[in-house]
Amino acid sequence: MRLRPGLSATATMVVSDADTALAIRSGDVQVLATPRVVGLAEEAAVHALSEALDNGQTTVGFRVQLDHLAPTPIGGEVVAEATLEAVESRRLTFRVSVNDGRGLVAAGRITRVVVDRARFLERTAGT
């Protein structure tokens, strides 16, 4: 593993009808849904690790602490940025922010855990 604080990456999307709270059923308005905001922030965190993990390793979500502060309409472009803030054994904590053309949409922290992909998937085989 070549994990170190400071690794960062971004992920970008344009909000479509399918990304809205109404479509995802997390609300009844036609704006970017909070679950999609979380997903975009997670995507940025995963991108930040793309060159840092050893073969056979991956990360899985552990904790999401995110404040969704402003709505983004259909057609709006949003950019999530994730920066690795702390490495504690296998636990990785990222500072994340999501912005659109009008400013800050969401901010918080995401924690992911490094796992051996094959062993992790073996645990799901019996379910």
Protein backbone atom coordinates (compact mmCIF):
# COMPACT_ATOMS: atom_id res chain seq x y z
CA MET A 1 0.00 0.00 0.00
CA ARG A 2 1.18 3.48 -0.84
CA LEU A 3 -1.46 5.32 1.17
CA ARG A 4 -0.60 8.72 2.52
CA PRO A 5 -2.58 11.78 3.59
CA GLY A 6 -2.99 14.28 0.79
CA LEU A 7 -4.08 11.86 -1.96
CA SER A 8 -7.02 13.47 -3.70
CA ALA A 9 -9.28 13.20 -6.71
CA THR A 10 -12.50 14.56 -8.14
CA ALA A 11 -15.63 13.12 -9.70
CA THR A 12 -18.04 15.11 -11.86
CA MET A 13 -21.62 14.64 -13.01
CA VAL A 14 -24.42 16.56 -14.68
CA VAL A 15 -27.70 16.14 -12.83
CA SER A 16 -30.31 14.27 -14.87
CA ASP A 17 -33.92 13.35 -14.17
CA ALA A 18 -32.68 9.98 -12.86
CA ASP A 19 -30.51 11.69 -10.20
CA THR A 20 -33.32 13.58 -8.50
CA ALA A 21 -34.84 12.98 -5.10
CA LEU A 22 -38.13 12.20 -6.83
CA ALA A 23 -36.58 9.53 -9.08
CA ILE A 24 -34.56 7.92 -6.29
CA ARG A 25 -37.55 8.14 -3.94
CA SER A 26 -35.61 9.99 -1.24
CA GLY A 27 -37.93 12.99 -1.53
CA ASP A 28 -40.47 14.56 -3.83
CA VAL A 29 -38.54 17.36 -5.51
CA GLN A 30 -36.74 17.52 -8.86
CA VAL A 31 -33.28 18.40 -7.51
CA LEU A 32 -30.11 16.38 -6.95
CA ALA A 33 -30.85 13.66 -4.39
CA THR A 34 -28.75 13.35 -1.27
CA PRO A 35 -27.94 9.67 -2.01
CA ARG A 36 -26.45 10.74 -5.36
CA VAL A 37 -24.38 13.43 -3.59
CA VAL A 38 -23.03 10.74 -1.26
CA GLY A 39 -22.34 8.45 -4.22
CA LEU A 40 -20.42 11.15 -6.07
CA ALA A 41 -18.30 11.91 -2.99
CA GLU A 42 -17.60 8.17 -2.56
CA GLU A 43 -16.61 7.97 -6.24
CA ALA A 44 -14.06 10.76 -5.72
CA ALA A 45 -12.63 8.93 -2.67
CA VAL A 46 -12.29 5.70 -4.67
CA HIS A 47 -10.56 7.59 -7.50
CA ALA A 48 -8.08 9.05 -5.00
CA LEU A 49 -6.98 5.51 -4.10
CA SER A 50 -6.80 4.13 -7.64
CA GLU A 51 -3.00 3.97 -7.75
CA ALA A 52 -2.33 3.51 -4.03
CA LEU A 53 -3.76 0.07 -3.21
CA ASP A 54 -1.91 -3.21 -3.57
CA ASN A 55 -3.14 -5.88 -5.99
CA GLY A 56 -6.11 -7.72 -4.53
CA GLN A 57 -7.07 -4.84 -2.25
CA THR A 58 -10.12 -2.61 -2.41
CA THR A 59 -11.95 -0.32 -0.02
CA VAL A 60 -15.46 -0.51 1.33
CA GLY A 61 -17.62 2.17 2.85
CA PHE A 62 -17.60 2.44 6.64
CA ARG A 63 -18.96 5.85 7.64
CA VAL A 64 -20.48 8.85 5.88
CA GLN A 65 -20.85 12.19 7.63
CA LEU A 66 -22.14 14.66 5.07
CA ASP A 67 -24.14 17.86 5.26
CA HIS A 68 -26.19 18.48 2.11
CA LEU A 69 -26.38 22.26 2.18
CA ALA A 70 -27.85 23.46 -1.13
CA PRO A 71 -30.01 22.13 -3.98
CA THR A 72 -28.73 21.55 -7.50
CA PRO A 73 -31.28 21.55 -10.35
CA ILE A 74 -31.49 19.19 -13.30
CA GLY A 75 -28.78 20.15 -15.79
CA GLY A 76 -26.45 21.48 -13.12
CA GLU A 77 -22.88 20.19 -13.06
CA VAL A 78 -21.53 19.07 -9.68
CA VAL A 79 -17.94 18.27 -8.77
CA ALA A 80 -16.98 16.24 -5.71
CA GLU A 81 -13.48 16.44 -4.30
CA ALA A 82 -12.10 13.94 -1.80
CA THR A 83 -8.79 14.35 0.01
CA LEU A 84 -7.32 11.61 2.19
CA GLU A 85 -6.97 13.21 5.59
CA ALA A 86 -5.94 10.33 7.85
CA VAL A 87 -4.64 6.77 7.56
CA GLU A 88 -5.22 4.71 10.69
CA SER A 89 -4.24 1.12 9.97
CA ARG A 90 -6.83 -0.01 7.39
CA ARG A 91 -9.20 2.91 8.09
CA LEU A 92 -9.01 5.85 5.67
CA THR A 93 -10.74 9.16 6.40
CA PHE A 94 -11.42 11.64 3.60
CA ARG A 95 -12.48 15.27 3.74
CA VAL A 96 -15.05 15.75 0.99
CA SER A 97 -16.77 18.69 -0.63
CA VAL A 98 -19.26 18.93 -3.47
CA ASN A 99 -19.70 22.14 -5.46
CA ASP A 100 -21.83 23.32 -8.35
CA GLY A 101 -21.74 26.53 -10.37
CA ARG A 102 -23.30 28.45 -7.49
CA GLY A 103 -20.97 27.21 -4.72
CA LEU A 104 -20.86 24.64 -1.96
CA VAL A 105 -23.50 21.90 -2.18
CA ALA A 106 -22.24 19.46 0.47
CA ALA A 107 -19.30 18.92 2.82
CA GLY A 108 -18.16 16.36 5.35
CA ARG A 109 -16.08 13.25 5.87
CA ILE A 110 -16.14 9.74 4.46
CA THR A 111 -14.35 6.79 6.02
CA ARG A 112 -13.46 3.72 3.98
CA VAL A 113 -11.68 0.52 5.07
CA VAL A 114 -9.05 -1.37 3.09
CA VAL A 115 -9.96 -5.06 2.62
CA ASP A 116 -8.69 -8.04 0.70
CA ARG A 117 -11.19 -8.25 -2.17
CA ALA A 118 -11.31 -12.08 -2.39
CA ARG A 119 -11.70 -12.62 1.36
CA PHE A 120 -14.36 -9.92 1.53
CA LEU A 121 -16.36 -11.53 -1.27
CA GLU A 122 -15.99 -14.99 0.34
CA ARG A 123 -17.87 -13.61 3.34
CA THR A 124 -20.88 -12.86 1.13
CA ALA A 125 -20.98 -16.28 -0.55
CA GLY A 126 -23.04 -17.89 2.20
CA THR A 127 -25.77 -15.23 2.24
